[in-house]
Amino acid sequence: MESEDTICYCFHISKRKIQNYLRLHRLRRASQLSECGGAGTGCGWCVPYLKRYFEDSLAGTATTEGLSAADYARQRGEYIRAGKGKPAPGATPLPPAECGDPSTDASQSSRSDSP
């Protein structure tokens, strides 16, 4: 992912903003990243990534996700559709569900059972 890519879709926070916040504020705990515009306090999807950024900042290493921004957004959509988190009001909308996504298959089958 690139610096301008969004990490927290609930509060529209980019990777660059998180990295700059870490650099400027020298946090003691990863949870303090929530002070960066509320990062990690919405659906919860970005929390593991925020922890990794925090740990890497302590070690002085650069974070590489190995994901494209599109894959990151798609995986967040799957996470939320699976009921693991609820986006904050005003969050970036989820990308369209892909065919074969179990969460959309279940909703389609319940619709087809309706009269």
C-alpha atoms as a PDB file:
ATOM      1  CA  MET A   1       0.000   0.000   0.000  1.00  0.00           C
ATOM      2  CA  GLU A   2       1.106   3.543  -0.732  1.00  0.00           C
ATOM      3  CA  SER A   3       1.329   6.414   1.747  1.00  0.00           C
ATOM      4  CA  GLU A   4      -1.807   8.107   0.440  1.00  0.00           C
ATOM      5  CA  ASP A   5      -3.919   4.921   0.686  1.00  0.00           C
ATOM      6  CA  THR A   6      -6.606   4.769   3.344  1.00  0.00           C
ATOM      7  CA  ILE A   7      -5.974   2.573   6.379  1.00  0.00           C
ATOM      8  CA  CYS A   8      -8.966   3.550   8.534  1.00  0.00           C
ATOM      9  CA  TYR A   9     -12.030   3.661   6.286  1.00  0.00           C
ATOM     10  CA  CYS A  10     -14.347   4.598   9.145  1.00  0.00           C
ATOM     11  CA  PHE A  11     -12.573   7.903   9.760  1.00  0.00           C
ATOM     12  CA  HIS A  12     -10.786   8.373   6.397  1.00  0.00           C
ATOM     13  CA  ILE A  13      -7.231   8.179   7.753  1.00  0.00           C
ATOM     14  CA  SER A  14      -4.340   7.520   5.397  1.00  0.00           C
ATOM     15  CA  LYS A  15      -1.202   5.518   5.974  1.00  0.00           C
ATOM     16  CA  ARG A  16       0.802   8.766   5.679  1.00  0.00           C
ATOM     17  CA  LYS A  17      -1.229  10.425   8.450  1.00  0.00           C
ATOM     18  CA  ILE A  18      -0.705   7.440  10.764  1.00  0.00           C
ATOM     19  CA  GLN A  19       3.027   7.305  10.042  1.00  0.00           C
ATOM     20  CA  ASN A  20       3.405  11.050  10.632  1.00  0.00           C
ATOM     21  CA  TYR A  21       1.420  10.825  13.866  1.00  0.00           C
ATOM     22  CA  LEU A  22       3.701   8.039  15.085  1.00  0.00           C
ATOM     23  CA  ARG A  23       6.802  10.017  14.136  1.00  0.00           C
ATOM     24  CA  LEU A  24       5.646  13.236  15.804  1.00  0.00           C
ATOM     25  CA  HIS A  25       4.044  11.894  18.983  1.00  0.00           C
ATOM     26  CA  ARG A  26       6.301   8.973  19.960  1.00  0.00           C
ATOM     27  CA  LEU A  27       3.497   6.873  21.433  1.00  0.00           C
ATOM     28  CA  ARG A  28       3.964   4.370  24.251  1.00  0.00           C
ATOM     29  CA  ARG A  29       1.062   2.088  23.278  1.00  0.00           C
ATOM     30  CA  ALA A  30      -0.530   1.160  19.982  1.00  0.00           C
ATOM     31  CA  SER A  31      -3.955   2.068  21.377  1.00  0.00           C
ATOM     32  CA  GLN A  32      -2.850   5.714  21.491  1.00  0.00           C
ATOM     33  CA  LEU A  33      -3.206   5.763  17.693  1.00  0.00           C
ATOM     34  CA  SER A  34      -6.923   6.227  18.337  1.00  0.00           C
ATOM     35  CA  GLU A  35      -5.981   9.849  19.086  1.00  0.00           C
ATOM     36  CA  CYS A  36      -5.088  10.172  15.396  1.00  0.00           C
ATOM     37  CA  GLY A  37      -8.558  11.091  14.174  1.00  0.00           C
ATOM     38  CA  GLY A  38     -10.213   8.102  15.850  1.00  0.00           C
ATOM     39  CA  ALA A  39      -8.228   5.476  13.939  1.00  0.00           C
ATOM     40  CA  GLY A  40      -9.165   1.964  15.013  1.00  0.00           C
ATOM     41  CA  THR A  41     -12.288   2.944  16.938  1.00  0.00           C
ATOM     42  CA  GLY A  42     -14.867   2.208  14.226  1.00  0.00           C
ATOM     43  CA  CYS A  43     -15.330  -1.261  12.760  1.00  0.00           C
ATOM     44  CA  GLY A  44     -12.005  -2.553  14.077  1.00  0.00           C
ATOM     45  CA  TRP A  45     -10.673  -3.799  10.733  1.00  0.00           C
ATOM     46  CA  CYS A  46      -7.580  -1.581  10.794  1.00  0.00           C
ATOM     47  CA  VAL A  47      -6.523  -2.381  14.377  1.00  0.00           C
ATOM     48  CA  PRO A  48      -4.030  -5.164  13.441  1.00  0.00           C
ATOM     49  CA  TYR A  49      -2.490  -2.846  10.856  1.00  0.00           C
ATOM     50  CA  LEU A  50      -2.259   0.017  13.349  1.00  0.00           C
ATOM     51  CA  LYS A  51      -0.514  -2.310  15.813  1.00  0.00           C
ATOM     52  CA  ARG A  52       1.953  -3.312  13.113  1.00  0.00           C
ATOM     53  CA  TYR A  53       2.678   0.343  12.260  1.00  0.00           C
ATOM     54  CA  PHE A  54       3.242   1.063  15.944  1.00  0.00           C
ATOM     55  CA  GLU A  55       5.594  -1.904  16.398  1.00  0.00           C
ATOM     56  CA  ASP A  56       7.513  -1.002  13.257  1.00  0.00           C
ATOM     57  CA  SER A  57       7.858   2.602  14.428  1.00  0.00           C
ATOM     58  CA  LEU A  58       9.415   1.380  17.685  1.00  0.00           C
ATOM     59  CA  ALA A  59      11.818  -0.834  15.751  1.00  0.00           C
ATOM     60  CA  GLY A  60      12.586   1.911  13.230  1.00  0.00           C
ATOM     61  CA  THR A  61      11.534  -0.229  10.263  1.00  0.00           C
ATOM     62  CA  ALA A  62       9.197   0.495   7.378  1.00  0.00           C
ATOM     63  CA  THR A  63       5.855  -1.289   7.227  1.00  0.00           C
ATOM     64  CA  THR A  64       5.013  -3.257   4.106  1.00  0.00           C
ATOM     65  CA  GLU A  65       1.579  -4.841   3.945  1.00  0.00           C
ATOM     66  CA  GLY A  66       1.999  -6.866   0.763  1.00  0.00           C
ATOM     67  CA  LEU A  67      -1.554  -5.846  -0.167  1.00  0.00           C
ATOM     68  CA  SER A  68      -2.849  -3.521  -2.820  1.00  0.00           C
ATOM     69  CA  ALA A  69      -5.281  -0.820  -1.722  1.00  0.00           C
ATOM     70  CA  ALA A  70      -8.047  -2.638  -3.617  1.00  0.00           C
ATOM     71  CA  ASP A  71      -7.322  -5.944  -1.835  1.00  0.00           C
ATOM     72  CA  TYR A  72      -7.241  -4.168   1.530  1.00  0.00           C
ATOM     73  CA  ALA A  73     -10.652  -2.577   0.843  1.00  0.00           C
ATOM     74  CA  ARG A  74     -12.093  -5.883  -0.413  1.00  0.00           C
ATOM     75  CA  GLN A  75     -10.904  -7.746   2.692  1.00  0.00           C
ATOM     76  CA  ARG A  76     -12.406  -5.054   4.915  1.00  0.00           C
ATOM     77  CA  GLY A  77     -15.703  -5.523   3.091  1.00  0.00           C
ATOM     78  CA  GLU A  78     -15.569  -9.278   3.737  1.00  0.00           C
ATOM     79  CA  TYR A  79     -14.760  -8.637   7.412  1.00  0.00           C
ATOM     80  CA  ILE A  80     -17.777  -6.368   7.848  1.00  0.00           C
ATOM     81  CA  ARG A  81     -20.150  -8.556   5.835  1.00  0.00           C
ATOM     82  CA  ALA A  82     -19.124 -11.467   8.062  1.00  0.00           C
ATOM     83  CA  GLY A  83     -20.458  -9.480  11.034  1.00  0.00           C
ATOM     84  CA  LYS A  84     -17.070  -8.890  12.641  1.00  0.00           C
ATOM     85  CA  GLY A  85     -17.405  -5.112  12.788  1.00  0.00           C
ATOM     86  CA  LYS A  86     -19.809  -2.254  12.235  1.00  0.00           C
ATOM     87  CA  PRO A  87     -18.577   0.783  10.309  1.00  0.00           C
ATOM     88  CA  ALA A  88     -18.849   4.157  11.984  1.00  0.00           C
ATOM     89  CA  PRO A  89     -21.419   6.632  10.628  1.00  0.00           C
ATOM     90  CA  GLY A  90     -19.876   8.404   7.636  1.00  0.00           C
ATOM     91  CA  ALA A  91     -17.450   5.582   6.888  1.00  0.00           C
ATOM     92  CA  THR A  92     -16.371   4.892   3.334  1.00  0.00           C
ATOM     93  CA  PRO A  93     -18.978   2.577   1.777  1.00  0.00           C
ATOM     94  CA  LEU A  94     -18.055  -1.060   1.285  1.00  0.00           C
ATOM     95  CA  PRO A  95     -16.946  -2.176  -2.152  1.00  0.00           C
ATOM     96  CA  PRO A  96     -19.463  -4.349  -4.025  1.00  0.00           C
ATOM     97  CA  ALA A  97     -19.523  -7.966  -2.876  1.00  0.00           C
ATOM     98  CA  GLU A  98     -17.920 -10.452  -5.233  1.00  0.00           C
ATOM     99  CA  CYS A  99     -19.729 -13.466  -6.655  1.00  0.00           C
ATOM    100  CA  GLY A 100     -19.126 -16.478  -4.456  1.00  0.00           C
ATOM    101  CA  ASP A 101     -18.833 -14.360  -1.304  1.00  0.00           C
ATOM    102  CA  PRO A 102     -20.559 -16.501   1.374  1.00  0.00           C
ATOM    103  CA  SER A 103     -22.136 -13.461   3.011  1.00  0.00           C
ATOM    104  CA  THR A 104     -23.845 -12.431  -0.229  1.00  0.00           C
ATOM    105  CA  ASP A 105     -24.795 -16.008  -1.114  1.00  0.00           C
ATOM    106  CA  ALA A 106     -26.653 -16.346   2.193  1.00  0.00           C
ATOM    107  CA  SER A 107     -28.533 -13.093   1.682  1.00  0.00           C
ATOM    108  CA  GLN A 108     -29.511 -14.087  -1.855  1.00  0.00           C
ATOM    109  CA  SER A 109     -30.751 -17.503  -0.777  1.00  0.00           C
ATOM    110  CA  SER A 110     -32.954 -15.958   1.927  1.00  0.00           C
ATOM    111  CA  ARG A 111     -34.405 -13.601  -0.659  1.00  0.00           C
ATOM    112  CA  SER A 112     -35.207 -16.438  -3.035  1.00  0.00           C
ATOM    113  CA  ASP A 113     -37.079 -18.279  -0.263  1.00  0.00           C
ATOM    114  CA  SER A 114     -39.375 -15.290   0.203  1.00  0.00           C
ATOM    115  CA  PRO A 115     -42.811 -15.410  -1.494  1.00  0.00           C
END
